[in-house]
């Protein structure tokens, strides 16, 4: 091990997941007995879950169930009270912040949307973990930013001011920033917020096509059923069900966790589980 390297970093750099090319390693996330508390209240309690290499893993649950808190712990915005988050077997807190940012890119719910920057400058922020202090953009950075903007349908908006954009446009730019980071793992907290139907569908297809390890929270259960390989259901800070969408999204669970009456049928176009909710009063 090189002098000065933090414990755990060599293991991660030498034990990659399946290699798809530069910056496209498919690494696994393991969350072990994770508990998170703030203001004296436990928000996540003893959570165990995995995001398998190259798969899209979804977190679903009612508001206040702990989804965002769990994701904030994965991208190191919060420190757990107990337990740990492992990236390819290495505790993420053993990594330097810059090293961690090269492996994990996040789209949080707290967006920081008042950037006095152009769209291109916002997306270029995703390249920061790879730059030395005061280093400028190079051709590779500019190419990465351009590709990320094209991926989210914002290629012609690089020179626009971020503050001039609509909510949906801002969301797509922040997604592009995460894509430009070229991390091995994407952590996305409600990425379809503010997007119209067309851009929601395009985003879900894009996530499927990227083949990155992805941990994503979604309110839309039908979107989760269509895009996720695996689901973890949170309720009152605990993981109460895990597995493939068709094994997890059962009427009894939907009634118990979400308090709704629903039937689960087969989607006529894709064969995925499709949840039909009963909105009638008193049903």
C-alpha atoms as a PDB file:
ATOM      1  CA  UNK A   1       0.000   0.000   0.000  1.00  0.00           C
ATOM      2  CA  UNK A   2       1.318   3.460  -0.843  1.00  0.00           C
ATOM      3  CA  UNK A   3       2.410   5.703   1.976  1.00  0.00           C
ATOM      4  CA  UNK A   4      -0.304   8.193   2.910  1.00  0.00           C
ATOM      5  CA  UNK A   5      -3.228   6.303   1.406  1.00  0.00           C
ATOM      6  CA  UNK A   6      -6.133   5.856   3.764  1.00  0.00           C
ATOM      7  CA  UNK A   7      -7.115   2.408   4.956  1.00  0.00           C
ATOM      8  CA  UNK A   8      -9.600   0.833   2.586  1.00  0.00           C
ATOM      9  CA  UNK A   9      -8.781   2.875  -0.506  1.00  0.00           C
ATOM     10  CA  UNK A  10      -6.362   0.324  -1.964  1.00  0.00           C
ATOM     11  CA  UNK A  11      -8.898  -2.457  -1.525  1.00  0.00           C
ATOM     12  CA  UNK A  12     -11.497  -0.484  -3.419  1.00  0.00           C
ATOM     13  CA  UNK A  13      -9.147   0.533  -6.223  1.00  0.00           C
ATOM     14  CA  UNK A  14      -7.845  -3.005  -6.735  1.00  0.00           C
ATOM     15  CA  UNK A  15     -11.086  -4.929  -6.236  1.00  0.00           C
ATOM     16  CA  UNK A  16     -13.393  -3.401  -8.804  1.00  0.00           C
ATOM     17  CA  UNK A  17     -16.678  -4.849  -9.836  1.00  0.00           C
ATOM     18  CA  UNK A  18     -17.289  -5.913 -13.418  1.00  0.00           C
ATOM     19  CA  UNK A  19     -15.420  -3.490 -15.674  1.00  0.00           C
ATOM     20  CA  UNK A  20     -17.316  -1.804 -18.513  1.00  0.00           C
ATOM     21  CA  UNK A  21     -14.644   0.768 -19.295  1.00  0.00           C
ATOM     22  CA  UNK A  22     -12.965   3.776 -17.666  1.00  0.00           C
ATOM     23  CA  UNK A  23     -15.124   5.182 -14.875  1.00  0.00           C
ATOM     24  CA  UNK A  24     -17.779   2.507 -15.410  1.00  0.00           C
ATOM     25  CA  UNK A  25     -17.052  -0.060 -12.740  1.00  0.00           C
ATOM     26  CA  UNK A  26     -20.116  -1.802 -11.421  1.00  0.00           C
ATOM     27  CA  UNK A  27     -19.713  -1.779  -7.644  1.00  0.00           C
ATOM     28  CA  UNK A  28     -21.974  -3.088  -4.894  1.00  0.00           C
ATOM     29  CA  UNK A  29     -23.437  -1.191  -1.944  1.00  0.00           C
ATOM     30  CA  UNK A  30     -24.159  -3.044   1.308  1.00  0.00           C
ATOM     31  CA  UNK A  31     -25.950  -1.317   4.168  1.00  0.00           C
ATOM     32  CA  UNK A  32     -25.444  -3.176   7.426  1.00  0.00           C
ATOM     33  CA  UNK A  33     -27.538  -2.607  10.569  1.00  0.00           C
ATOM     34  CA  UNK A  34     -27.779   1.103   9.815  1.00  0.00           C
ATOM     35  CA  UNK A  35     -29.363   3.436  12.348  1.00  0.00           C
ATOM     36  CA  UNK A  36     -29.579   7.197  11.921  1.00  0.00           C
ATOM     37  CA  UNK A  37     -30.874   9.686  14.474  1.00  0.00           C
ATOM     38  CA  UNK A  38     -31.128  13.421  14.802  1.00  0.00           C
ATOM     39  CA  UNK A  39     -32.767  15.756  17.286  1.00  0.00           C
ATOM     40  CA  UNK A  40     -32.894  12.801  19.667  1.00  0.00           C
ATOM     41  CA  UNK A  41     -35.168  10.797  17.367  1.00  0.00           C
ATOM     42  CA  UNK A  42     -34.281   7.586  15.527  1.00  0.00           C
ATOM     43  CA  UNK A  43     -35.223   8.018  11.878  1.00  0.00           C
ATOM     44  CA  UNK A  44     -33.716   4.815  10.444  1.00  0.00           C
ATOM     45  CA  UNK A  45     -33.444   1.766  12.703  1.00  0.00           C
ATOM     46  CA  UNK A  46     -31.317  -1.304  11.993  1.00  0.00           C
ATOM     47  CA  UNK A  47     -31.635  -1.198   8.200  1.00  0.00           C
ATOM     48  CA  UNK A  48     -30.093  -4.005   6.150  1.00  0.00           C
ATOM     49  CA  UNK A  49     -30.207  -3.770   2.358  1.00  0.00           C
ATOM     50  CA  UNK A  50     -28.102  -4.188  -0.758  1.00  0.00           C
ATOM     51  CA  UNK A  51     -27.744  -2.462  -4.101  1.00  0.00           C
ATOM     52  CA  UNK A  52     -26.239  -5.152  -6.306  1.00  0.00           C
ATOM     53  CA  UNK A  53     -23.565  -4.330  -8.868  1.00  0.00           C
ATOM     54  CA  UNK A  54     -25.074  -2.958 -12.063  1.00  0.00           C
ATOM     55  CA  UNK A  55     -28.662  -3.131 -10.776  1.00  0.00           C
ATOM     56  CA  UNK A  56     -31.232  -0.439 -10.053  1.00  0.00           C
ATOM     57  CA  UNK A  57     -32.368  -0.755  -6.452  1.00  0.00           C
ATOM     58  CA  UNK A  58     -35.413   1.200  -5.350  1.00  0.00           C
ATOM     59  CA  UNK A  59     -36.447   2.549  -1.953  1.00  0.00           C
ATOM     60  CA  UNK A  60     -40.187   3.000  -1.563  1.00  0.00           C
ATOM     61  CA  UNK A  61     -42.344   3.887   1.411  1.00  0.00           C
ATOM     62  CA  UNK A  62     -44.654   6.574   2.761  1.00  0.00           C
ATOM     63  CA  UNK A  63     -43.471  10.097   3.525  1.00  0.00           C
ATOM     64  CA  UNK A  64     -41.380  10.082   6.668  1.00  0.00           C
ATOM     65  CA  UNK A  65     -40.416   6.422   6.370  1.00  0.00           C
ATOM     66  CA  UNK A  66     -36.673   7.199   6.261  1.00  0.00           C
ATOM     67  CA  UNK A  67     -35.867   6.943   2.536  1.00  0.00           C
ATOM     68  CA  UNK A  68     -34.108  10.291   2.167  1.00  0.00           C
ATOM     69  CA  UNK A  69     -32.312   9.894   5.484  1.00  0.00           C
ATOM     70  CA  UNK A  70     -30.935   6.536   4.401  1.00  0.00           C
ATOM     71  CA  UNK A  71     -29.762   7.939   1.062  1.00  0.00           C
ATOM     72  CA  UNK A  72     -28.107  10.934   2.752  1.00  0.00           C
ATOM     73  CA  UNK A  73     -26.089   8.461   4.808  1.00  0.00           C
ATOM     74  CA  UNK A  74     -24.966   6.637   1.664  1.00  0.00           C
ATOM     75  CA  UNK A  75     -23.589   9.826   0.097  1.00  0.00           C
ATOM     76  CA  UNK A  76     -22.144  10.942   3.452  1.00  0.00           C
ATOM     77  CA  UNK A  77     -24.347  13.942   4.145  1.00  0.00           C
ATOM     78  CA  UNK A  78     -25.275  12.254   7.435  1.00  0.00           C
ATOM     79  CA  UNK A  79     -23.220  10.127   9.823  1.00  0.00           C
ATOM     80  CA  UNK A  80     -24.899   6.964  11.111  1.00  0.00           C
ATOM     81  CA  UNK A  81     -25.474   6.434  14.820  1.00  0.00           C
ATOM     82  CA  UNK A  82     -24.735   2.751  14.267  1.00  0.00           C
ATOM     83  CA  UNK A  83     -23.994   0.385  11.405  1.00  0.00           C
ATOM     84  CA  UNK A  84     -22.138   1.142   8.209  1.00  0.00           C
ATOM     85  CA  UNK A  85     -22.359   1.603   4.448  1.00  0.00           C
ATOM     86  CA  UNK A  86     -19.961  -0.543   2.427  1.00  0.00           C
ATOM     87  CA  UNK A  87     -18.844   0.155  -1.133  1.00  0.00           C
ATOM     88  CA  UNK A  88     -17.441  -3.044  -2.615  1.00  0.00           C
ATOM     89  CA  UNK A  89     -16.641  -4.182   0.924  1.00  0.00           C
ATOM     90  CA  UNK A  90     -14.999  -0.896   2.013  1.00  0.00           C
ATOM     91  CA  UNK A  91     -16.605   1.370   4.618  1.00  0.00           C
ATOM     92  CA  UNK A  92     -17.290   4.616   2.762  1.00  0.00           C
ATOM     93  CA  UNK A  93     -16.222   6.638   5.784  1.00  0.00           C
ATOM     94  CA  UNK A  94     -12.698   5.222   5.369  1.00  0.00           C
ATOM     95  CA  UNK A  95     -12.445   7.053   2.047  1.00  0.00           C
ATOM     96  CA  UNK A  96     -11.435  10.665   1.600  1.00  0.00           C
ATOM     97  CA  UNK A  97     -14.294  12.944   0.477  1.00  0.00           C
ATOM     98  CA  UNK A  98     -12.772  13.348  -2.995  1.00  0.00           C
ATOM     99  CA  UNK A  99     -12.252   9.604  -3.361  1.00  0.00           C
ATOM    100  CA  UNK A 100     -15.800   8.922  -2.247  1.00  0.00           C
ATOM    101  CA  UNK A 101     -17.128  11.468  -4.762  1.00  0.00           C
ATOM    102  CA  UNK A 102     -15.362   9.656  -7.604  1.00  0.00           C
ATOM    103  CA  UNK A 103     -17.292   6.513  -6.730  1.00  0.00           C
ATOM    104  CA  UNK A 104     -20.696   7.871  -5.604  1.00  0.00           C
ATOM    105  CA  UNK A 105     -22.668  10.662  -7.319  1.00  0.00           C
ATOM    106  CA  UNK A 106     -25.795  11.980  -5.643  1.00  0.00           C
ATOM    107  CA  UNK A 107     -28.919  13.853  -6.636  1.00  0.00           C
ATOM    108  CA  UNK A 108     -30.378  14.978  -3.286  1.00  0.00           C
ATOM    109  CA  UNK A 109     -33.815  16.423  -2.659  1.00  0.00           C
ATOM    110  CA  UNK A 110     -32.267  19.581  -1.213  1.00  0.00           C
ATOM    111  CA  UNK A 111     -31.293  20.969  -4.590  1.00  0.00           C
ATOM    112  CA  UNK A 112     -29.435  24.226  -3.888  1.00  0.00           C
ATOM    113  CA  UNK A 113     -31.272  25.729  -6.842  1.00  0.00           C
ATOM    114  CA  UNK A 114     -30.069  29.333  -6.640  1.00  0.00           C
ATOM    115  CA  UNK A 115     -26.792  28.860  -8.514  1.00  0.00           C
ATOM    116  CA  UNK A 116     -25.714  32.114 -10.193  1.00  0.00           C
ATOM    117  CA  UNK A 117     -24.076  30.017 -12.903  1.00  0.00           C
ATOM    118  CA  UNK A 118     -24.781  28.913 -16.431  1.00  0.00           C
ATOM    119  CA  UNK A 119     -26.153  25.446 -17.117  1.00  0.00           C
ATOM    120  CA  UNK A 120     -22.768  24.321 -18.421  1.00  0.00           C
ATOM    121  CA  UNK A 121     -21.019  25.593 -15.298  1.00  0.00           C
ATOM    122  CA  UNK A 122     -23.450  23.752 -13.027  1.00  0.00           C
ATOM    123  CA  UNK A 123     -22.917  20.473 -14.873  1.00  0.00           C
ATOM    124  CA  UNK A 124     -19.136  21.006 -14.864  1.00  0.00           C
ATOM    125  CA  UNK A 125     -19.284  20.964 -11.053  1.00  0.00           C
ATOM    126  CA  UNK A 126     -19.598  17.201 -11.437  1.00  0.00           C
ATOM    127  CA  UNK A 127     -15.979  17.099 -12.608  1.00  0.00           C
ATOM    128  CA  UNK A 128     -14.650  18.680  -9.381  1.00  0.00           C
ATOM    129  CA  UNK A 129     -13.582  15.379  -7.703  1.00  0.00           C
ATOM    130  CA  UNK A 130     -11.120  14.785 -10.550  1.00  0.00           C
ATOM    131  CA  UNK A 131      -9.491  18.227 -10.541  1.00  0.00           C
ATOM    132  CA  UNK A 132      -6.519  19.585  -8.650  1.00  0.00           C
ATOM    133  CA  UNK A 133      -7.026  22.869  -6.821  1.00  0.00           C
ATOM    134  CA  UNK A 134      -7.540  25.783  -9.226  1.00  0.00           C
ATOM    135  CA  UNK A 135      -7.262  23.505 -12.274  1.00  0.00           C
ATOM    136  CA  UNK A 136      -9.482  24.481 -15.189  1.00  0.00           C
ATOM    137  CA  UNK A 137     -11.541  22.369 -17.537  1.00  0.00           C
ATOM    138  CA  UNK A 138      -9.802  20.304 -20.143  1.00  0.00           C
ATOM    139  CA  UNK A 139     -11.144  18.765 -23.359  1.00  0.00           C
ATOM    140  CA  UNK A 140     -12.146  15.554 -21.592  1.00  0.00           C
ATOM    141  CA  UNK A 141     -14.186  17.534 -19.029  1.00  0.00           C
ATOM    142  CA  UNK A 142     -15.936  19.523 -21.739  1.00  0.00           C
ATOM    143  CA  UNK A 143     -16.769  16.342 -23.642  1.00  0.00           C
ATOM    144  CA  UNK A 144     -18.179  14.724 -20.478  1.00  0.00           C
ATOM    145  CA  UNK A 145     -20.333  17.777 -19.739  1.00  0.00           C
ATOM    146  CA  UNK A 146     -21.630  17.906 -23.315  1.00  0.00           C
ATOM    147  CA  UNK A 147     -22.560  14.219 -23.264  1.00  0.00           C
ATOM    148  CA  UNK A 148     -24.313  14.539 -19.907  1.00  0.00           C
ATOM    149  CA  UNK A 149     -26.380  17.482 -21.163  1.00  0.00           C
ATOM    150  CA  UNK A 150     -27.271  15.569 -24.322  1.00  0.00           C
ATOM    151  CA  UNK A 151     -28.357  12.578 -22.238  1.00  0.00           C
ATOM    152  CA  UNK A 152     -30.950  14.672 -20.395  1.00  0.00           C
ATOM    153  CA  UNK A 153     -32.121  16.617 -23.455  1.00  0.00           C
ATOM    154  CA  UNK A 154     -30.458  19.908 -22.475  1.00  0.00           C
ATOM    155  CA  UNK A 155     -27.648  20.033 -25.041  1.00  0.00           C
ATOM    156  CA  UNK A 156     -28.787  23.369 -26.474  1.00  0.00           C
ATOM    157  CA  UNK A 157     -29.063  25.103 -23.103  1.00  0.00           C
ATOM    158  CA  UNK A 158     -25.451  25.200 -21.892  1.00  0.00           C
ATOM    159  CA  UNK A 159     -25.189  29.002 -21.966  1.00  0.00           C
ATOM    160  CA  UNK A 160     -28.502  29.690 -20.183  1.00  0.00           C
ATOM    161  CA  UNK A 161     -28.525  30.903 -16.591  1.00  0.00           C
ATOM    162  CA  UNK A 162     -29.558  28.144 -14.203  1.00  0.00           C
ATOM    163  CA  UNK A 163     -31.865  30.532 -12.337  1.00  0.00           C
ATOM    164  CA  UNK A 164     -33.870  31.141 -15.542  1.00  0.00           C
ATOM    165  CA  UNK A 165     -34.871  27.494 -15.928  1.00  0.00           C
ATOM    166  CA  UNK A 166     -38.184  25.875 -15.063  1.00  0.00           C
ATOM    167  CA  UNK A 167     -38.335  23.327 -12.246  1.00  0.00           C
ATOM    168  CA  UNK A 168     -38.230  20.413 -14.666  1.00  0.00           C
ATOM    169  CA  UNK A 169     -35.301  21.900 -16.594  1.00  0.00           C
ATOM    170  CA  UNK A 170     -33.370  22.464 -13.376  1.00  0.00           C
ATOM    171  CA  UNK A 171     -33.978  18.862 -12.386  1.00  0.00           C
ATOM    172  CA  UNK A 172     -32.574  17.608 -15.686  1.00  0.00           C
ATOM    173  CA  UNK A 173     -29.492  19.836 -15.336  1.00  0.00           C
ATOM    174  CA  UNK A 174     -28.805  18.490 -11.839  1.00  0.00           C
ATOM    175  CA  UNK A 175     -29.158  14.959 -13.190  1.00  0.00           C
ATOM    176  CA  UNK A 176     -26.638  15.872 -15.872  1.00  0.00           C
ATOM    177  CA  UNK A 177     -24.273  17.067 -13.149  1.00  0.00           C
ATOM    178  CA  UNK A 178     -24.533  13.650 -11.472  1.00  0.00           C
ATOM    179  CA  UNK A 179     -23.947  11.893 -14.816  1.00  0.00           C
ATOM    180  CA  UNK A 180     -20.922  14.112 -15.561  1.00  0.00           C
ATOM    181  CA  UNK A 181     -19.384  12.972 -12.291  1.00  0.00           C
ATOM    182  CA  UNK A 182     -18.866   9.573 -13.984  1.00  0.00           C
ATOM    183  CA  UNK A 183     -19.175   7.761 -10.660  1.00  0.00           C
ATOM    184  CA  UNK A 184     -19.603   4.027 -10.284  1.00  0.00           C
ATOM    185  CA  UNK A 185     -22.752   4.418  -8.144  1.00  0.00           C
ATOM    186  CA  UNK A 186     -25.702   6.793  -8.572  1.00  0.00           C
ATOM    187  CA  UNK A 187     -27.754   7.775  -5.513  1.00  0.00           C
ATOM    188  CA  UNK A 188     -30.917   9.543  -6.635  1.00  0.00           C
ATOM    189  CA  UNK A 189     -33.555  10.940  -4.291  1.00  0.00           C
ATOM    190  CA  UNK A 190     -36.830  11.351  -6.183  1.00  0.00           C
ATOM    191  CA  UNK A 191     -35.194  12.071  -9.558  1.00  0.00           C
ATOM    192  CA  UNK A 192     -38.525  12.285 -11.412  1.00  0.00           C
ATOM    193  CA  UNK A 193     -39.770  15.220  -9.307  1.00  0.00           C
ATOM    194  CA  UNK A 194     -40.831  18.177 -11.485  1.00  0.00           C
ATOM    195  CA  UNK A 195     -40.500  16.159 -14.708  1.00  0.00           C
ATOM    196  CA  UNK A 196     -43.385  15.795 -17.147  1.00  0.00           C
ATOM    197  CA  UNK A 197     -44.447  12.329 -18.287  1.00  0.00           C
ATOM    198  CA  UNK A 198     -42.250  12.293 -21.384  1.00  0.00           C
ATOM    199  CA  UNK A 199     -39.113  13.217 -19.455  1.00  0.00           C
ATOM    200  CA  UNK A 200     -39.958  10.785 -16.655  1.00  0.00           C
ATOM    201  CA  UNK A 201     -40.131   7.957 -19.189  1.00  0.00           C
ATOM    202  CA  UNK A 202     -36.916   9.101 -20.883  1.00  0.00           C
ATOM    203  CA  UNK A 203     -35.112   9.304 -17.539  1.00  0.00           C
ATOM    204  CA  UNK A 204     -36.175   5.811 -16.480  1.00  0.00           C
ATOM    205  CA  UNK A 205     -35.052   4.424 -19.843  1.00  0.00           C
ATOM    206  CA  UNK A 206     -31.748   6.278 -19.483  1.00  0.00           C
ATOM    207  CA  UNK A 207     -31.132   4.769 -16.044  1.00  0.00           C
ATOM    208  CA  UNK A 208     -31.802   1.294 -17.417  1.00  0.00           C
ATOM    209  CA  UNK A 209     -29.417   1.883 -20.288  1.00  0.00           C
ATOM    210  CA  UNK A 210     -26.511   3.199 -18.195  1.00  0.00           C
ATOM    211  CA  UNK A 211     -26.064  -0.082 -16.299  1.00  0.00           C
ATOM    212  CA  UNK A 212     -24.642   1.722 -13.272  1.00  0.00           C
ATOM    213  CA  UNK A 213     -25.285   0.552  -9.741  1.00  0.00           C
ATOM    214  CA  UNK A 214     -28.168   2.837  -8.762  1.00  0.00           C
ATOM    215  CA  UNK A 215     -29.929   3.406  -5.456  1.00  0.00           C
ATOM    216  CA  UNK A 216     -33.047   5.479  -6.019  1.00  0.00           C
ATOM    217  CA  UNK A 217     -36.064   6.564  -3.993  1.00  0.00           C
ATOM    218  CA  UNK A 218     -39.351   6.873  -5.856  1.00  0.00           C
ATOM    219  CA  UNK A 219     -42.849   7.885  -4.769  1.00  0.00           C
ATOM    220  CA  UNK A 220     -44.403   6.451  -7.929  1.00  0.00           C
ATOM    221  CA  UNK A 221     -44.777   2.732  -7.244  1.00  0.00           C
ATOM    222  CA  UNK A 222     -45.525   1.933 -10.877  1.00  0.00           C
ATOM    223  CA  UNK A 223     -42.336   3.691 -11.955  1.00  0.00           C
ATOM    224  CA  UNK A 224     -40.442   1.732  -9.298  1.00  0.00           C
ATOM    225  CA  UNK A 225     -41.976  -1.530 -10.535  1.00  0.00           C
ATOM    226  CA  UNK A 226     -40.942  -0.796 -14.109  1.00  0.00           C
ATOM    227  CA  UNK A 227     -37.368   0.406 -13.608  1.00  0.00           C
ATOM    228  CA  UNK A 228     -36.062  -1.355 -10.485  1.00  0.00           C
ATOM    229  CA  UNK A 229     -34.467  -4.794 -10.330  1.00  0.00           C
ATOM    230  CA  UNK A 230     -34.945  -4.899  -6.560  1.00  0.00           C
ATOM    231  CA  UNK A 231     -37.089  -2.978  -4.078  1.00  0.00           C
ATOM    232  CA  UNK A 232     -36.684  -2.283  -0.375  1.00  0.00           C
ATOM    233  CA  UNK A 233     -39.836  -1.068   1.389  1.00  0.00           C
ATOM    234  CA  UNK A 234     -39.346   1.273   4.357  1.00  0.00           C
ATOM    235  CA  UNK A 235     -41.965   1.877   7.020  1.00  0.00           C
ATOM    236  CA  UNK A 236     -41.367   3.867  10.214  1.00  0.00           C
ATOM    237  CA  UNK A 237     -37.617   3.749   9.639  1.00  0.00           C
ATOM    238  CA  UNK A 238     -37.371   0.000   9.144  1.00  0.00           C
ATOM    239  CA  UNK A 239     -36.990  -2.186   6.070  1.00  0.00           C
ATOM    240  CA  UNK A 240     -40.150  -4.315   6.087  1.00  0.00           C
ATOM    241  CA  UNK A 241     -39.836  -6.055   2.704  1.00  0.00           C
ATOM    242  CA  UNK A 242     -37.138  -6.672   0.098  1.00  0.00           C
ATOM    243  CA  UNK A 243     -37.048  -8.449  -3.230  1.00  0.00           C
ATOM    244  CA  UNK A 244     -38.054  -8.246  -6.873  1.00  0.00           C
ATOM    245  CA  UNK A 245     -40.934  -5.805  -7.535  1.00  0.00           C
ATOM    246  CA  UNK A 246     -43.422  -8.559  -8.382  1.00  0.00           C
ATOM    247  CA  UNK A 247     -42.602 -10.320  -5.107  1.00  0.00           C
ATOM    248  CA  UNK A 248     -42.795  -7.189  -2.963  1.00  0.00           C
ATOM    249  CA  UNK A 249     -45.691  -5.179  -4.397  1.00  0.00           C
ATOM    250  CA  UNK A 250     -48.579  -7.255  -3.070  1.00  0.00           C
ATOM    251  CA  UNK A 251     -52.036  -5.921  -2.148  1.00  0.00           C
ATOM    252  CA  UNK A 252     -51.585  -6.881   1.513  1.00  0.00           C
ATOM    253  CA  UNK A 253     -48.309  -4.937   1.788  1.00  0.00           C
ATOM    254  CA  UNK A 254     -49.770  -1.917  -0.017  1.00  0.00           C
ATOM    255  CA  UNK A 255     -52.643  -1.882   2.463  1.00  0.00           C
ATOM    256  CA  UNK A 256     -50.425  -2.301   5.514  1.00  0.00           C
ATOM    257  CA  UNK A 257     -47.618   0.123   4.589  1.00  0.00           C
ATOM    258  CA  UNK A 258     -49.344   2.709   2.391  1.00  0.00           C
ATOM    259  CA  UNK A 259     -52.911   2.392   3.707  1.00  0.00           C
ATOM    260  CA  UNK A 260     -54.427   1.942   0.256  1.00  0.00           C
ATOM    261  CA  UNK A 261     -56.610  -0.636  -1.420  1.00  0.00           C
ATOM    262  CA  UNK A 262     -55.077  -1.800  -4.688  1.00  0.00           C
ATOM    263  CA  UNK A 263     -54.941  -4.620  -7.205  1.00  0.00           C
ATOM    264  CA  UNK A 264     -51.674  -5.685  -8.807  1.00  0.00           C
ATOM    265  CA  UNK A 265     -52.006  -6.788 -12.427  1.00  0.00           C
ATOM    266  CA  UNK A 266     -49.671  -7.321 -15.364  1.00  0.00           C
ATOM    267  CA  UNK A 267     -48.764  -4.288 -17.444  1.00  0.00           C
ATOM    268  CA  UNK A 268     -50.192  -4.918 -20.929  1.00  0.00           C
ATOM    269  CA  UNK A 269     -47.126  -3.437 -22.701  1.00  0.00           C
ATOM    270  CA  UNK A 270     -44.179  -4.528 -20.562  1.00  0.00           C
ATOM    271  CA  UNK A 271     -45.348  -7.394 -18.356  1.00  0.00           C
ATOM    272  CA  UNK A 272     -44.188  -5.504 -15.242  1.00  0.00           C
ATOM    273  CA  UNK A 273     -46.413  -5.335 -12.162  1.00  0.00           C
ATOM    274  CA  UNK A 274     -49.013  -2.585 -12.558  1.00  0.00           C
ATOM    275  CA  UNK A 275     -50.779  -1.234  -9.471  1.00  0.00           C
ATOM    276  CA  UNK A 276     -54.371  -0.121  -9.861  1.00  0.00           C
ATOM    277  CA  UNK A 277     -55.481   1.961  -6.883  1.00  0.00           C
ATOM    278  CA  UNK A 278     -59.069   2.230  -5.654  1.00  0.00           C
ATOM    279  CA  UNK A 279     -59.705   5.930  -5.069  1.00  0.00           C
ATOM    280  CA  UNK A 280     -63.370   5.615  -4.155  1.00  0.00           C
ATOM    281  CA  UNK A 281     -64.339   7.053  -0.801  1.00  0.00           C
ATOM    282  CA  UNK A 282     -64.849   4.352   1.796  1.00  0.00           C
ATOM    283  CA  UNK A 283     -63.321   1.622  -0.332  1.00  0.00           C
END
